C-alpha atoms as a PDB file:
ATOM      1  CA  MET A   1     106.781  95.150  96.488  1.00  0.00           C
ATOM      2  CA  VAL A   2     105.539  93.243  99.496  1.00  0.00           C
ATOM      3  CA  SER A   3     108.273  90.653  99.329  1.00  0.00           C
ATOM      4  CA  ASP A   4     110.978  93.350  98.939  1.00  0.00           C
ATOM      5  CA  THR A   5     109.689  95.184 101.996  1.00  0.00           C
ATOM      6  CA  GLN A   6     109.595  92.025 104.057  1.00  0.00           C
ATOM      7  CA  THR A   7     113.198  91.148 103.136  1.00  0.00           C
ATOM      8  CA  VAL A   8     114.498  94.546 104.191  1.00  0.00           C
ATOM      9  CA  THR A   9     112.624  94.301 107.463  1.00  0.00           C
ATOM     10  CA  ARG A  10     114.218  90.926 108.325  1.00  0.00           C
ATOM     11  CA  THR A  11     117.779  92.022 107.550  1.00  0.00           C
ATOM     12  CA  GLU A  12     117.868  95.387 109.334  1.00  0.00           C
ATOM     13  CA  PRO A  13     119.003  95.439 113.010  1.00  0.00           C
ATOM     14  CA  ALA A  14     116.386  95.306 115.731  1.00  0.00           C
ATOM     15  CA  THR A  15     117.780  98.492 117.263  1.00  0.00           C
ATOM     16  CA  ARG A  16     117.181 100.366 114.045  1.00  0.00           C
ATOM     17  CA  ARG A  17     113.592  99.130 113.853  1.00  0.00           C
ATOM     18  CA  THR A  18     113.015 100.218 117.444  1.00  0.00           C
ATOM     19  CA  SER A  19     114.485 103.665 116.886  1.00  0.00           C
ATOM     20  CA  SER A  20     112.480 104.096 113.676  1.00  0.00           C
ATOM     21  CA  ALA A  21     109.258 103.140 115.421  1.00  0.00           C
ATOM     22  CA  SER A  22     109.972 105.460 118.331  1.00  0.00           C
ATOM     23  CA  ALA A  23     110.804 108.284 115.939  1.00  0.00           C
ATOM     24  CA  ALA A  24     107.533 107.767 114.077  1.00  0.00           C
ATOM     25  CA  LYS A  25     105.374 108.022 117.196  1.00  0.00           C
ATOM     26  CA  PRO A  26     106.112 111.687 118.027  1.00  0.00           C
ATOM     27  CA  ARG A  27     105.321 112.652 114.420  1.00  0.00           C
ATOM     28  CA  SER A  28     101.890 111.029 114.513  1.00  0.00           C
ATOM     29  CA  THR A  29     101.170 112.461 117.948  1.00  0.00           C
ATOM     30  CA  GLY A  30     102.344 115.920 116.898  1.00  0.00           C
ATOM     31  CA  GLY A  31     100.251 115.756 113.738  1.00  0.00           C
ATOM     32  CA  ALA A  32      97.167 114.911 115.757  1.00  0.00           C
ATOM     33  CA  ARG A  33      97.894 117.514 118.422  1.00  0.00           C
ATOM     34  CA  TRP A  34      96.136 120.324 116.571  1.00  0.00           C
ATOM     35  CA  VAL A  35      93.218 118.212 115.305  1.00  0.00           C
ATOM     36  CA  VAL A  36      91.122 118.115 118.502  1.00  0.00           C
ATOM     37  CA  PRO A  37      91.334 121.884 119.210  1.00  0.00           C
ATOM     38  CA  THR A  38      90.591 122.559 115.540  1.00  0.00           C
ATOM     39  CA  LYS A  39      87.560 120.270 115.582  1.00  0.00           C
ATOM     40  CA  VAL A  40      86.253 122.014 118.709  1.00  0.00           C
ATOM     41  CA  ALA A  41      86.811 125.440 117.112  1.00  0.00           C
ATOM     42  CA  VAL A  42      85.090 124.384 113.862  1.00  0.00           C
ATOM     43  CA  PHE A  43      82.192 122.847 115.805  1.00  0.00           C
ATOM     44  CA  ILE A  44      81.604 126.104 117.711  1.00  0.00           C
ATOM     45  CA  ALA A  45      82.100 128.320 114.649  1.00  0.00           C
ATOM     46  CA  ALA A  46      79.618 126.229 112.651  1.00  0.00           C
ATOM     47  CA  LEU A  47      76.917 127.131 115.177  1.00  0.00           C
ATOM     48  CA  TYR A  48      77.228 130.823 114.270  1.00  0.00           C
ATOM     49  CA  PRO A  49      74.403 130.819 111.655  1.00  0.00           C
ATOM     50  CA  LEU A  50      72.004 129.254 114.170  1.00  0.00           C
ATOM     51  CA  ALA A  51      73.082 131.629 116.954  1.00  0.00           C
ATOM     52  CA  ARG A  52      72.601 134.557 114.564  1.00  0.00           C
ATOM     53  CA  LEU A  53      69.050 133.477 113.752  1.00  0.00           C
ATOM     54  CA  VAL A  54      68.217 133.033 117.436  1.00  0.00           C
ATOM     55  CA  LEU A  55      69.664 136.463 118.262  1.00  0.00           C
ATOM     56  CA  PHE A  56      67.771 138.114 115.406  1.00  0.00           C
ATOM     57  CA  GLY A  57      64.578 136.418 116.549  1.00  0.00           C
ATOM     58  CA  LEU A  58      65.006 137.581 120.141  1.00  0.00           C
ATOM     59  CA  THR A  59      65.769 141.158 119.061  1.00  0.00           C
ATOM     60  CA  ASP A  60      63.023 141.334 116.422  1.00  0.00           C
ATOM     61  CA  ARG A  61      65.421 141.652 113.480  1.00  0.00           C
ATOM     62  CA  LEU A  62      64.074 138.942 111.168  1.00  0.00           C
ATOM     63  CA  GLY A  63      62.444 141.521 108.900  1.00  0.00           C
ATOM     64  CA  ALA A  64      58.889 141.907 107.667  1.00  0.00           C
ATOM     65  CA  ASN A  65      58.736 138.233 106.625  1.00  0.00           C
ATOM     66  CA  PRO A  66      60.538 136.152 109.307  1.00  0.00           C
ATOM     67  CA  ILE A  67      59.707 132.815 107.657  1.00  0.00           C
ATOM     68  CA  GLU A  68      61.263 133.867 104.364  1.00  0.00           C
ATOM     69  CA  PHE A  69      64.325 135.255 106.179  1.00  0.00           C
ATOM     70  CA  ILE A  70      64.886 131.984 108.063  1.00  0.00           C
ATOM     71  CA  THR A  71      64.264 129.876 104.959  1.00  0.00           C
ATOM     72  CA  ARG A  72      66.715 131.859 102.826  1.00  0.00           C
ATOM     73  CA  SER A  73      69.347 132.036 105.589  1.00  0.00           C
ATOM     74  CA  THR A  74      69.335 128.310 106.376  1.00  0.00           C
ATOM     75  CA  GLY A  75      69.327 127.468 102.667  1.00  0.00           C
ATOM     76  CA  LEU A  76      72.332 129.670 101.957  1.00  0.00           C
ATOM     77  CA  TRP A  77      74.290 128.292 104.906  1.00  0.00           C
ATOM     78  CA  THR A  78      73.512 124.753 103.744  1.00  0.00           C
ATOM     79  CA  LEU A  79      75.169 125.610 100.447  1.00  0.00           C
ATOM     80  CA  VAL A  80      78.128 127.224 102.239  1.00  0.00           C
ATOM     81  CA  PHE A  81      78.761 124.111 104.351  1.00  0.00           C
ATOM     82  CA  LEU A  82      78.314 121.866 101.320  1.00  0.00           C
ATOM     83  CA  CYS A  83      81.025 123.799  99.466  1.00  0.00           C
ATOM     84  CA  ILE A  84      83.332 123.700 102.508  1.00  0.00           C
ATOM     85  CA  THR A  85      82.791 119.931 102.836  1.00  0.00           C
ATOM     86  CA  LEU A  86      83.643 119.410  99.168  1.00  0.00           C
ATOM     87  CA  ALA A  87      86.737 121.610  99.574  1.00  0.00           C
ATOM     88  CA  VAL A  88      88.286 119.299 102.195  1.00  0.00           C
ATOM     89  CA  THR A  89      89.650 116.744  99.721  1.00  0.00           C
ATOM     90  CA  PRO A  90      91.297 119.297  97.382  1.00  0.00           C
ATOM     91  CA  LEU A  91      92.757 121.045 100.432  1.00  0.00           C
ATOM     92  CA  ARG A  92      94.174 117.754 101.703  1.00  0.00           C
ATOM     93  CA  ARG A  93      95.665 116.858  98.324  1.00  0.00           C
ATOM     94  CA  LEU A  94      97.160 120.305  97.709  1.00  0.00           C
ATOM     95  CA  THR A  95      98.639 120.765 101.200  1.00  0.00           C
ATOM     96  CA  GLY A  96      99.535 117.145 101.958  1.00  0.00           C
ATOM     97  CA  VAL A  97      97.916 117.458 105.402  1.00  0.00           C
ATOM     98  CA  ALA A  98      95.886 114.248 105.712  1.00  0.00           C
ATOM     99  CA  ALA A  99      94.370 115.333 109.043  1.00  0.00           C
ATOM    100  CA  PHE A 100      92.013 117.716 107.218  1.00  0.00           C
ATOM    101  CA  VAL A 101      89.915 114.648 106.362  1.00  0.00           C
ATOM    102  CA  ARG A 102      89.038 114.301 110.061  1.00  0.00           C
ATOM    103  CA  LEU A 103      86.948 117.479 109.773  1.00  0.00           C
ATOM    104  CA  ARG A 104      84.962 116.290 106.772  1.00  0.00           C
ATOM    105  CA  ARG A 105      82.326 114.197 108.525  1.00  0.00           C
ATOM    106  CA  MET A 106      81.488 116.972 110.996  1.00  0.00           C
ATOM    107  CA  LEU A 107      81.204 119.523 108.188  1.00  0.00           C
ATOM    108  CA  GLY A 108      78.986 117.131 106.228  1.00  0.00           C
ATOM    109  CA  LEU A 109      76.709 116.664 109.239  1.00  0.00           C
ATOM    110  CA  TYR A 110      76.457 120.436 109.653  1.00  0.00           C
ATOM    111  CA  THR A 111      75.424 120.602 105.991  1.00  0.00           C
ATOM    112  CA  PHE A 112      72.632 118.148 106.791  1.00  0.00           C
ATOM    113  CA  PHE A 113      71.742 120.065 109.985  1.00  0.00           C
ATOM    114  CA  TYR A 114      71.164 123.359 108.174  1.00  0.00           C
ATOM    115  CA  ALA A 115      69.414 121.594 105.298  1.00  0.00           C
ATOM    116  CA  THR A 116      67.045 120.054 107.869  1.00  0.00           C
ATOM    117  CA  LEU A 117      66.365 123.487 109.375  1.00  0.00           C
ATOM    118  CA  HIS A 118      65.769 124.826 105.856  1.00  0.00           C
ATOM    119  CA  PHE A 119      63.363 122.036 104.942  1.00  0.00           C
ATOM    120  CA  THR A 120      61.607 122.099 108.341  1.00  0.00           C
ATOM    121  CA  THR A 121      60.975 125.845 108.053  1.00  0.00           C
ATOM    122  CA  TYR A 122      59.350 125.286 104.659  1.00  0.00           C
ATOM    123  CA  LEU A 123      57.449 122.199 105.803  1.00  0.00           C
ATOM    124  CA  TRP A 124      56.215 123.609 109.113  1.00  0.00           C
ATOM    125  CA  PHE A 125      55.984 127.384 109.091  1.00  0.00           C
ATOM    126  CA  ASP A 126      55.404 127.888 105.362  1.00  0.00           C
ATOM    127  CA  LYS A 127      53.117 124.927 104.532  1.00  0.00           C
ATOM    128  CA  TRP A 128      51.961 123.880 108.045  1.00  0.00           C
ATOM    129  CA  PHE A 129      52.442 120.198 107.165  1.00  0.00           C
ATOM    130  CA  ASP A 130      49.863 120.401 104.375  1.00  0.00           C
ATOM    131  CA  VAL A 131      50.962 117.261 102.509  1.00  0.00           C
ATOM    132  CA  ALA A 132      48.761 117.944  99.476  1.00  0.00           C
ATOM    133  CA  GLU A 133      50.162 121.446  99.110  1.00  0.00           C
ATOM    134  CA  ILE A 134      53.731 120.208  99.560  1.00  0.00           C
ATOM    135  CA  LEU A 135      53.321 117.489  96.922  1.00  0.00           C
ATOM    136  CA  LYS A 136      51.779 120.050  94.596  1.00  0.00           C
ATOM    137  CA  ASP A 137      54.804 122.297  95.117  1.00  0.00           C
ATOM    138  CA  ILE A 138      57.259 119.450  94.494  1.00  0.00           C
ATOM    139  CA  GLY A 139      55.579 118.507  91.227  1.00  0.00           C
ATOM    140  CA  LYS A 140      54.882 122.046  89.993  1.00  0.00           C
ATOM    141  CA  ARG A 141      57.930 124.119  90.943  1.00  0.00           C
ATOM    142  CA  PRO A 142      61.274 122.834  89.590  1.00  0.00           C
ATOM    143  CA  PHE A 143      63.420 124.458  92.279  1.00  0.00           C
ATOM    144  CA  ILE A 144      61.371 122.720  94.995  1.00  0.00           C
ATOM    145  CA  THR A 145      61.682 119.406  93.130  1.00  0.00           C
ATOM    146  CA  VAL A 146      65.479 119.451  92.887  1.00  0.00           C
ATOM    147  CA  GLY A 147      65.799 120.823  96.428  1.00  0.00           C
ATOM    148  CA  PHE A 148      63.695 117.972  97.782  1.00  0.00           C
ATOM    149  CA  ALA A 149      65.765 115.432  95.810  1.00  0.00           C
ATOM    150  CA  ALA A 150      68.981 116.882  97.260  1.00  0.00           C
ATOM    151  CA  PHE A 151      67.578 116.673 100.790  1.00  0.00           C
ATOM    152  CA  VAL A 152      66.579 113.009 100.360  1.00  0.00           C
ATOM    153  CA  LEU A 153      70.139 112.195  99.246  1.00  0.00           C
ATOM    154  CA  LEU A 154      71.528 114.132 102.220  1.00  0.00           C
ATOM    155  CA  ILE A 155      69.399 112.003 104.551  1.00  0.00           C
ATOM    156  CA  ALA A 156      70.970 108.854 103.079  1.00  0.00           C
ATOM    157  CA  LEU A 157      74.476 110.235 103.612  1.00  0.00           C
ATOM    158  CA  ALA A 158      73.752 111.416 107.165  1.00  0.00           C
ATOM    159  CA  VAL A 159      72.271 108.051 108.182  1.00  0.00           C
ATOM    160  CA  THR A 160      75.328 106.188 106.871  1.00  0.00           C
ATOM    161  CA  SER A 161      77.920 108.611 108.281  1.00  0.00           C
ATOM    162  CA  PRO A 162      78.650 106.788 111.611  1.00  0.00           C
ATOM    163  CA  ARG A 163      81.782 104.604 111.653  1.00  0.00           C
ATOM    164  CA  ALA A 164      79.668 101.518 112.306  1.00  0.00           C
ATOM    165  CA  MET A 165      77.887 102.081 108.980  1.00  0.00           C
ATOM    166  CA  VAL A 166      81.208 102.644 107.211  1.00  0.00           C
ATOM    167  CA  ARG A 167      82.414  99.241 108.427  1.00  0.00           C
ATOM    168  CA  LYS A 168      79.108  97.573 107.633  1.00  0.00           C
ATOM    169  CA  LEU A 169      78.798  98.910 104.067  1.00  0.00           C
ATOM    170  CA  GLY A 170      82.458  98.483 103.157  1.00  0.00           C
ATOM    171  CA  ARG A 171      83.176  99.571  99.585  1.00  0.00           C
ATOM    172  CA  ARG A 172      79.499 100.349  99.030  1.00  0.00           C
ATOM    173  CA  TRP A 173      79.853 103.215 101.522  1.00  0.00           C
ATOM    174  CA  GLN A 174      82.257 105.074  99.273  1.00  0.00           C
ATOM    175  CA  THR A 175      80.011 104.507  96.251  1.00  0.00           C
ATOM    176  CA  LEU A 176      76.982 105.806  98.149  1.00  0.00           C
ATOM    177  CA  HIS A 177      78.795 108.895  99.429  1.00  0.00           C
ATOM    178  CA  ARG A 178      79.742 109.930  95.912  1.00  0.00           C
ATOM    179  CA  ALA A 179      76.137 111.133  95.828  1.00  0.00           C
ATOM    180  CA  ILE A 180      77.467 114.342  97.389  1.00  0.00           C
ATOM    181  CA  TYR A 181      78.491 115.373  93.862  1.00  0.00           C
ATOM    182  CA  ALA A 182      74.891 115.026  92.681  1.00  0.00           C
ATOM    183  CA  ILE A 183      73.762 116.913  95.792  1.00  0.00           C
ATOM    184  CA  GLY A 184      76.110 119.760  94.856  1.00  0.00           C
ATOM    185  CA  VAL A 185      74.627 120.020  91.359  1.00  0.00           C
ATOM    186  CA  LEU A 186      71.040 119.809  92.652  1.00  0.00           C
ATOM    187  CA  ALA A 187      71.736 122.440  95.324  1.00  0.00           C
ATOM    188  CA  ILE A 188      73.039 124.907  92.725  1.00  0.00           C
ATOM    189  CA  LEU A 189      70.029 124.243  90.476  1.00  0.00           C
ATOM    190  CA  HIS A 190      67.702 124.759  93.457  1.00  0.00           C
ATOM    191  CA  PHE A 191      69.353 128.087  94.298  1.00  0.00           C
ATOM    192  CA  TRP A 192      69.596 129.216  90.664  1.00  0.00           C
ATOM    193  CA  TRP A 193      65.978 128.502  89.735  1.00  0.00           C
ATOM    194  CA  MET A 194      64.715 130.037  92.961  1.00  0.00           C
ATOM    195  CA  LYS A 195      66.632 133.274  92.307  1.00  0.00           C
ATOM    196  CA  ALA A 196      65.869 133.288  88.565  1.00  0.00           C
ATOM    197  CA  GLY A 197      62.227 134.132  89.315  1.00  0.00           C
ATOM    198  CA  LYS A 198      63.421 137.395  90.896  1.00  0.00           C
ATOM    199  CA  HIS A 199      66.152 138.039  88.288  1.00  0.00           C
ATOM    200  CA  ASP A 200      68.786 138.028  91.032  1.00  0.00           C
ATOM    201  CA  LEU A 201      71.501 135.643  89.861  1.00  0.00           C
ATOM    202  CA  LEU A 202      74.642 137.184  91.376  1.00  0.00           C
ATOM    203  CA  LEU A 203      74.946 134.750  94.312  1.00  0.00           C
ATOM    204  CA  PRO A 204      73.894 131.674  92.269  1.00  0.00           C
ATOM    205  CA  LYS A 205      76.625 132.519  89.744  1.00  0.00           C
ATOM    206  CA  ILE A 206      79.248 132.850  92.488  1.00  0.00           C
ATOM    207  CA  TYR A 207      78.297 129.580  94.177  1.00  0.00           C
ATOM    208  CA  GLY A 208      77.885 127.907  90.794  1.00  0.00           C
ATOM    209  CA  ALA A 209      81.462 128.887  89.902  1.00  0.00           C
ATOM    210  CA  VAL A 210      82.732 127.537  93.237  1.00  0.00           C
ATOM    211  CA  MET A 211      80.873 124.264  92.700  1.00  0.00           C
ATOM    212  CA  ILE A 212      82.193 123.923  89.144  1.00  0.00           C
ATOM    213  CA  ALA A 213      85.734 124.462  90.454  1.00  0.00           C
ATOM    214  CA  LEU A 214      85.331 121.864  93.218  1.00  0.00           C
ATOM    215  CA  LEU A 215      83.765 119.214  90.974  1.00  0.00           C
ATOM    216  CA  GLY A 216      85.979 120.100  87.997  1.00  0.00           C
ATOM    217  CA  TRP A 217      89.112 119.590  90.104  1.00  0.00           C
ATOM    218  CA  ARG A 218      87.911 116.086  90.973  1.00  0.00           C
ATOM    219  CA  LEU A 219      87.234 115.323  87.313  1.00  0.00           C
ATOM    220  CA  VAL A 220      90.720 116.469  86.292  1.00  0.00           C
ATOM    221  CA  VAL A 221      92.334 114.354  89.042  1.00  0.00           C
ATOM    222  CA  TRP A 222      90.243 111.316  88.046  1.00  0.00           C
ATOM    223  CA  ILE A 223      91.205 111.655  84.350  1.00  0.00           C
ATOM    224  CA  ARG A 224      94.889 112.092  85.250  1.00  0.00           C
ATOM    225  CA  GLU A 225      94.893 109.025  87.510  1.00  0.00           C
ATOM    226  CA  ARG A 226      93.142 106.948  84.850  1.00  0.00           C
ATOM    227  CA  ARG A 227      95.778 107.924  82.297  1.00  0.00           C
ATOM    228  CA  MET A 228      98.621 107.142  84.696  1.00  0.00           C
ATOM    229  CA  GLY A 229      97.049 103.757  85.463  1.00  0.00           C
ATOM    230  CA  THR A 230      96.758 103.007  81.738  1.00  0.00           C
ATOM    231  CA  ARG A 231     100.409 103.909  81.136  1.00  0.00           C
ATOM    232  CA  ARG A 232     101.569 101.671  83.989  1.00  0.00           C
ATOM    233  CA  ARG A 233      99.630  98.718  82.602  1.00  0.00           C
END
């Protein structure tokens, strides 16, 4: 394929190459025209959960147990942003709009941001940095254990998200960032087991179904591509 492409390039007129290149530039510029405003809009919209908590705190609307309200709210929004982040790739593949990928890193970092608020609320206001009590919780309560494991994996992904780390890690970066699939499973288990104690599984079932759809789509695509690769060989 490379040699065929090179031959065609040598034989076509220079004027045609110039016109083709000039025609391609407006398309790339036009495609990127909406990306910056969209990123700004998504960045501002993603701050809504935090602004809501601040507003509720200032107007004394956090309920009888403010710590529990903040913990549950930040945890739920972490799961929301995780699902949105995982939805970027299917959306790109189904629509053919590659520019959607440029939103993925920001959405992933917002997932980590709300997970950090969630964990900090538990660590600080709930346990007051009592390490012994925290370790006891991690070992004794399954939903805390899987939640902590998911947060540790999120830290690894957040630390390696800058472009410099992408270049430095090379192919290992992509392998490492597949851990987001494990994070998705652990997050659903964390939410499910936490709600199971109160026999309130409506939301865990909804988010579990969304997560199954997002991960199941990837599995189907992977199996299809493997089969196509086998047929070609």
